[in-house]
Amino acid sequence: MNIEDSFYIGYITKTKGLKGEVQAYFEFDDFEELEFDSLFLEINGKLIPYFISSFKLQSNQTGYFFFDDIDSIEKAEKLVRKKIYLPNSKMPEISEEEFRYTDLKGFIVKDEHFGDLGEIIEVHEYPQQFIAVVSYKFREVMFPLNEHIIKSIDEEESIVEVALPEGLMEIYTG
């Protein structure tokens, strides 16, 4: 499986005990909604499947996992700090009312200082944040999507109003 065919959910933080159990930290908001039968860990740029023999989710964005064939702390230690992915087919369905940053693709961006910036041509999901890509004056401008930058979203008109951080546009235009 390729990274393009999957979505990021978190990473292995540490081992627990001597029998190969690992702790995962979830950066995916609705981790309780996910189906866990196997996880894909990114190892040397490739996604490797690990089949789960048992797991227990915690309320603090973590979970404990035992994988088939990982039966010692030595084997488990090799998985620490590895990113965890699931296939796109396991992405939880969202209701019509829910709106995600990725839904902003195709929206027109208006900045309070620079006016119309153009259409969001891509929304990249990174472990810590979402990044919008806008084509502005023949250059790609990238900025984070969060509650500090987005001032309003008009879903009917497909317009997102933003207040970009001071100096950001100068990086691209200066």
C-alpha atoms as a PDB file:
ATOM      1  CA  MET A   1       0.000   0.000   0.000  1.00  0.00           C
ATOM      2  CA  ASN A   2       1.163   3.539  -0.770  1.00  0.00           C
ATOM      3  CA  ILE A   3       0.968   6.552   1.525  1.00  0.00           C
ATOM      4  CA  GLU A   4      -1.370   8.219  -1.038  1.00  0.00           C
ATOM      5  CA  ASP A   5      -3.845   5.344  -0.476  1.00  0.00           C
ATOM      6  CA  SER A   6      -3.860   5.838   3.285  1.00  0.00           C
ATOM      7  CA  PHE A   7      -4.333   8.420   6.005  1.00  0.00           C
ATOM      8  CA  TYR A   8      -2.137   9.250   8.982  1.00  0.00           C
ATOM      9  CA  ILE A   9      -3.503   8.541  12.460  1.00  0.00           C
ATOM     10  CA  GLY A  10      -0.533   8.826  14.841  1.00  0.00           C
ATOM     11  CA  TYR A  11       2.702   7.170  15.882  1.00  0.00           C
ATOM     12  CA  ILE A  12       4.170   4.595  18.274  1.00  0.00           C
ATOM     13  CA  THR A  13       5.398   6.406  21.398  1.00  0.00           C
ATOM     14  CA  LYS A  14       6.950   3.653  23.521  1.00  0.00           C
ATOM     15  CA  THR A  15       7.009   0.025  24.539  1.00  0.00           C
ATOM     16  CA  LYS A  16       5.117  -1.324  27.551  1.00  0.00           C
ATOM     17  CA  GLY A  17       6.206  -4.380  29.430  1.00  0.00           C
ATOM     18  CA  LEU A  18       8.428  -7.171  28.140  1.00  0.00           C
ATOM     19  CA  LYS A  19       6.003  -9.053  25.861  1.00  0.00           C
ATOM     20  CA  GLY A  20       6.006  -6.676  22.867  1.00  0.00           C
ATOM     21  CA  GLU A  21       3.160  -4.308  23.747  1.00  0.00           C
ATOM     22  CA  VAL A  22       3.447  -0.776  22.331  1.00  0.00           C
ATOM     23  CA  GLN A  23       1.709   2.505  23.073  1.00  0.00           C
ATOM     24  CA  ALA A  24       0.351   4.565  20.162  1.00  0.00           C
ATOM     25  CA  TYR A  25      -0.476   8.261  20.296  1.00  0.00           C
ATOM     26  CA  PHE A  26      -3.368   9.294  18.026  1.00  0.00           C
ATOM     27  CA  GLU A  27      -3.257  12.602  16.192  1.00  0.00           C
ATOM     28  CA  PHE A  28      -6.447  11.657  14.320  1.00  0.00           C
ATOM     29  CA  ASP A  29      -9.341  13.406  16.071  1.00  0.00           C
ATOM     30  CA  ASP A  30     -11.945  10.639  15.897  1.00  0.00           C
ATOM     31  CA  PHE A  31      -9.615   7.758  16.768  1.00  0.00           C
ATOM     32  CA  GLU A  32     -12.415   5.988  18.681  1.00  0.00           C
ATOM     33  CA  GLU A  33     -14.297   5.649  15.371  1.00  0.00           C
ATOM     34  CA  LEU A  34     -11.458   3.773  13.651  1.00  0.00           C
ATOM     35  CA  GLU A  35     -11.513   0.059  12.847  1.00  0.00           C
ATOM     36  CA  PHE A  36      -8.454  -1.734  14.156  1.00  0.00           C
ATOM     37  CA  ASP A  37      -7.549  -5.120  12.725  1.00  0.00           C
ATOM     38  CA  SER A  38      -4.212  -4.088  11.281  1.00  0.00           C
ATOM     39  CA  LEU A  39      -2.105  -0.941  11.229  1.00  0.00           C
ATOM     40  CA  PHE A  40       0.409   0.177   8.623  1.00  0.00           C
ATOM     41  CA  LEU A  41       3.688   1.500   9.988  1.00  0.00           C
ATOM     42  CA  GLU A  42       5.988   3.638   7.874  1.00  0.00           C
ATOM     43  CA  ILE A  43       9.380   1.940   7.859  1.00  0.00           C
ATOM     44  CA  ASN A  44      12.107   3.161   5.497  1.00  0.00           C
ATOM     45  CA  GLY A  45       9.546   5.039   3.388  1.00  0.00           C
ATOM     46  CA  LYS A  46       7.269   2.003   2.940  1.00  0.00           C
ATOM     47  CA  LEU A  47       4.014   1.084   4.678  1.00  0.00           C
ATOM     48  CA  ILE A  48       4.328  -2.306   6.375  1.00  0.00           C
ATOM     49  CA  PRO A  49       1.187  -4.044   7.718  1.00  0.00           C
ATOM     50  CA  TYR A  50       1.104  -5.162  11.350  1.00  0.00           C
ATOM     51  CA  PHE A  51      -1.788  -7.385  12.348  1.00  0.00           C
ATOM     52  CA  ILE A  52      -3.278  -6.645  15.757  1.00  0.00           C
ATOM     53  CA  SER A  53      -3.793  -9.493  18.192  1.00  0.00           C
ATOM     54  CA  SER A  54      -5.307  -7.209  20.864  1.00  0.00           C
ATOM     55  CA  PHE A  55      -5.635  -3.534  21.741  1.00  0.00           C
ATOM     56  CA  LYS A  56      -7.071  -1.207  24.360  1.00  0.00           C
ATOM     57  CA  LEU A  57      -7.901   2.442  23.684  1.00  0.00           C
ATOM     58  CA  GLN A  58      -7.382   5.080  26.372  1.00  0.00           C
ATOM     59  CA  SER A  59      -9.216   8.390  26.803  1.00  0.00           C
ATOM     60  CA  ASN A  60      -5.996  10.451  26.510  1.00  0.00           C
ATOM     61  CA  GLN A  61      -5.546   9.972  22.716  1.00  0.00           C
ATOM     62  CA  THR A  62      -3.500   6.798  23.251  1.00  0.00           C
ATOM     63  CA  GLY A  63      -3.936   3.071  22.858  1.00  0.00           C
ATOM     64  CA  TYR A  64      -1.996  -0.068  23.716  1.00  0.00           C
ATOM     65  CA  PHE A  65      -1.429  -2.681  21.003  1.00  0.00           C
ATOM     66  CA  PHE A  66      -0.120  -6.217  20.735  1.00  0.00           C
ATOM     67  CA  PHE A  67       0.821  -7.219  17.186  1.00  0.00           C
ATOM     68  CA  ASP A  68       1.119 -10.751  15.790  1.00  0.00           C
ATOM     69  CA  ASP A  69       4.819 -11.746  15.631  1.00  0.00           C
ATOM     70  CA  ILE A  70       5.934  -8.927  17.993  1.00  0.00           C
ATOM     71  CA  ASP A  71       6.453 -10.911  21.183  1.00  0.00           C
ATOM     72  CA  SER A  72       9.422  -9.258  22.888  1.00  0.00           C
ATOM     73  CA  ILE A  73      10.500  -5.818  23.988  1.00  0.00           C
ATOM     74  CA  GLU A  74      13.431  -6.021  21.553  1.00  0.00           C
ATOM     75  CA  LYS A  75      11.094  -6.440  18.571  1.00  0.00           C
ATOM     76  CA  ALA A  76       8.726  -3.757  19.902  1.00  0.00           C
ATOM     77  CA  GLU A  77      11.525  -1.203  20.403  1.00  0.00           C
ATOM     78  CA  LYS A  78      12.134  -1.188  16.627  1.00  0.00           C
ATOM     79  CA  LEU A  79       8.598   0.207  16.142  1.00  0.00           C
ATOM     80  CA  VAL A  80       8.974   3.210  18.466  1.00  0.00           C
ATOM     81  CA  ARG A  81       8.566   6.585  16.689  1.00  0.00           C
ATOM     82  CA  LYS A  82       7.136   4.938  13.564  1.00  0.00           C
ATOM     83  CA  LYS A  83       4.179   6.728  11.961  1.00  0.00           C
ATOM     84  CA  ILE A  84       0.875   4.829  11.801  1.00  0.00           C
ATOM     85  CA  TYR A  85      -1.478   4.811   8.813  1.00  0.00           C
ATOM     86  CA  LEU A  86      -4.753   3.153   7.857  1.00  0.00           C
ATOM     87  CA  PRO A  87      -6.113   2.529   4.340  1.00  0.00           C
ATOM     88  CA  ASN A  88      -8.416   5.263   3.000  1.00  0.00           C
ATOM     89  CA  SER A  89     -11.183   2.650   2.909  1.00  0.00           C
ATOM     90  CA  LYS A  90     -11.120   2.675   6.742  1.00  0.00           C
ATOM     91  CA  MET A  91     -11.694   6.441   6.972  1.00  0.00           C
ATOM     92  CA  PRO A  92     -14.820   6.994   9.109  1.00  0.00           C
ATOM     93  CA  GLU A  93     -17.818   8.369   7.227  1.00  0.00           C
ATOM     94  CA  ILE A  94     -18.590  11.941   8.139  1.00  0.00           C
ATOM     95  CA  SER A  95     -22.105  13.272   8.380  1.00  0.00           C
ATOM     96  CA  GLU A  96     -23.402  15.995   6.068  1.00  0.00           C
ATOM     97  CA  GLU A  97     -23.239  18.544   8.892  1.00  0.00           C
ATOM     98  CA  GLU A  98     -19.552  17.958   9.614  1.00  0.00           C
ATOM     99  CA  PHE A  99     -17.115  20.221   7.848  1.00  0.00           C
ATOM    100  CA  ARG A 100     -13.424  19.415   7.606  1.00  0.00           C
ATOM    101  CA  TYR A 101     -10.493  21.508   6.459  1.00  0.00           C
ATOM    102  CA  THR A 102     -10.106  19.216   3.454  1.00  0.00           C
ATOM    103  CA  ASP A 103     -13.580  20.361   2.325  1.00  0.00           C
ATOM    104  CA  LEU A 104     -12.094  23.810   1.619  1.00  0.00           C
ATOM    105  CA  LYS A 105     -10.475  22.633  -1.620  1.00  0.00           C
ATOM    106  CA  GLY A 106     -11.995  24.735  -4.403  1.00  0.00           C
ATOM    107  CA  PHE A 107     -12.939  27.621  -2.088  1.00  0.00           C
ATOM    108  CA  ILE A 108     -11.810  31.177  -2.875  1.00  0.00           C
ATOM    109  CA  VAL A 109      -9.545  32.733  -0.229  1.00  0.00           C
ATOM    110  CA  LYS A 110      -9.947  36.374   0.774  1.00  0.00           C
ATOM    111  CA  ASP A 111      -7.347  37.851   3.103  1.00  0.00           C
ATOM    112  CA  GLU A 112      -8.183  40.910   5.180  1.00  0.00           C
ATOM    113  CA  HIS A 113      -5.034  42.732   3.964  1.00  0.00           C
ATOM    114  CA  PHE A 114      -4.329  41.278   0.494  1.00  0.00           C
ATOM    115  CA  GLY A 115      -7.897  40.764  -0.739  1.00  0.00           C
ATOM    116  CA  ASP A 116      -8.615  37.878  -3.133  1.00  0.00           C
ATOM    117  CA  LEU A 117      -5.765  35.372  -3.093  1.00  0.00           C
ATOM    118  CA  GLY A 118      -7.354  32.795  -5.379  1.00  0.00           C
ATOM    119  CA  GLU A 119      -8.691  29.268  -5.186  1.00  0.00           C
ATOM    120  CA  ILE A 120      -7.471  26.630  -2.749  1.00  0.00           C
ATOM    121  CA  ILE A 121      -6.019  24.102  -5.178  1.00  0.00           C
ATOM    122  CA  GLU A 122      -4.917  21.593  -2.544  1.00  0.00           C
ATOM    123  CA  VAL A 123      -5.235  20.892   1.178  1.00  0.00           C
ATOM    124  CA  HIS A 124      -2.358  18.879   2.645  1.00  0.00           C
ATOM    125  CA  GLU A 125      -2.836  16.996   5.896  1.00  0.00           C
ATOM    126  CA  TYR A 126       0.278  16.881   8.039  1.00  0.00           C
ATOM    127  CA  PRO A 127       0.633  15.315  11.479  1.00  0.00           C
ATOM    128  CA  GLN A 128       0.361  18.671  13.278  1.00  0.00           C
ATOM    129  CA  GLN A 129      -1.878  20.689  10.931  1.00  0.00           C
ATOM    130  CA  PHE A 130      -3.627  21.196   7.608  1.00  0.00           C
ATOM    131  CA  ILE A 131      -1.974  23.390   4.963  1.00  0.00           C
ATOM    132  CA  ALA A 132      -3.857  25.156   2.158  1.00  0.00           C
ATOM    133  CA  VAL A 133      -2.178  25.726  -1.204  1.00  0.00           C
ATOM    134  CA  VAL A 134      -3.371  28.724  -3.236  1.00  0.00           C
ATOM    135  CA  SER A 135      -2.153  29.813  -6.666  1.00  0.00           C
ATOM    136  CA  TYR A 136      -1.490  33.554  -6.226  1.00  0.00           C
ATOM    137  CA  LYS A 137       0.112  35.602  -9.015  1.00  0.00           C
ATOM    138  CA  PHE A 138       1.595  32.461 -10.624  1.00  0.00           C
ATOM    139  CA  ARG A 139       3.132  31.291  -7.332  1.00  0.00           C
ATOM    140  CA  GLU A 140       1.999  28.653  -4.892  1.00  0.00           C
ATOM    141  CA  VAL A 141       1.262  30.197  -1.519  1.00  0.00           C
ATOM    142  CA  MET A 142       0.908  27.875   1.463  1.00  0.00           C
ATOM    143  CA  PHE A 143      -0.625  28.682   4.829  1.00  0.00           C
ATOM    144  CA  PRO A 144      -1.954  26.720   7.803  1.00  0.00           C
ATOM    145  CA  LEU A 145      -5.670  26.164   8.260  1.00  0.00           C
ATOM    146  CA  ASN A 146      -6.696  26.741  11.859  1.00  0.00           C
ATOM    147  CA  GLU A 147      -9.083  28.788  13.984  1.00  0.00           C
ATOM    148  CA  HIS A 148      -6.512  31.589  14.392  1.00  0.00           C
ATOM    149  CA  ILE A 149      -6.168  32.220  10.655  1.00  0.00           C
ATOM    150  CA  ILE A 150      -9.691  31.430   9.377  1.00  0.00           C
ATOM    151  CA  LYS A 151     -12.058  34.274  10.202  1.00  0.00           C
ATOM    152  CA  SER A 152     -15.169  32.940   8.432  1.00  0.00           C
ATOM    153  CA  ILE A 153     -16.316  30.283   5.988  1.00  0.00           C
ATOM    154  CA  ASP A 154     -19.209  30.889   3.595  1.00  0.00           C
ATOM    155  CA  GLU A 155     -20.155  27.424   2.364  1.00  0.00           C
ATOM    156  CA  GLU A 156     -22.869  28.709  -0.003  1.00  0.00           C
ATOM    157  CA  GLU A 157     -20.506  31.098  -1.834  1.00  0.00           C
ATOM    158  CA  SER A 158     -17.426  28.838  -1.365  1.00  0.00           C
ATOM    159  CA  ILE A 159     -15.424  31.655   0.210  1.00  0.00           C
ATOM    160  CA  VAL A 160     -13.066  31.447   3.169  1.00  0.00           C
ATOM    161  CA  GLU A 161     -11.952  34.694   4.803  1.00  0.00           C
ATOM    162  CA  VAL A 162      -8.546  34.617   6.474  1.00  0.00           C
ATOM    163  CA  ALA A 163      -6.133  36.831   8.356  1.00  0.00           C
ATOM    164  CA  LEU A 164      -2.724  35.558   7.309  1.00  0.00           C
ATOM    165  CA  PRO A 165       0.173  36.069   9.738  1.00  0.00           C
ATOM    166  CA  GLU A 166       2.173  39.221   9.184  1.00  0.00           C
ATOM    167  CA  GLY A 167       5.068  38.639   6.800  1.00  0.00           C
ATOM    168  CA  LEU A 168       3.763  35.374   5.325  1.00  0.00           C
ATOM    169  CA  MET A 169       2.779  36.802   1.938  1.00  0.00           C
ATOM    170  CA  GLU A 170       6.072  38.678   1.711  1.00  0.00           C
ATOM    171  CA  ILE A 171       7.879  35.331   1.804  1.00  0.00           C
ATOM    172  CA  TYR A 172       6.133  34.386  -1.444  1.00  0.00           C
ATOM    173  CA  THR A 173       5.919  37.801  -3.136  1.00  0.00           C
ATOM    174  CA  GLY A 174       8.964  39.642  -1.794  1.00  0.00           C
END
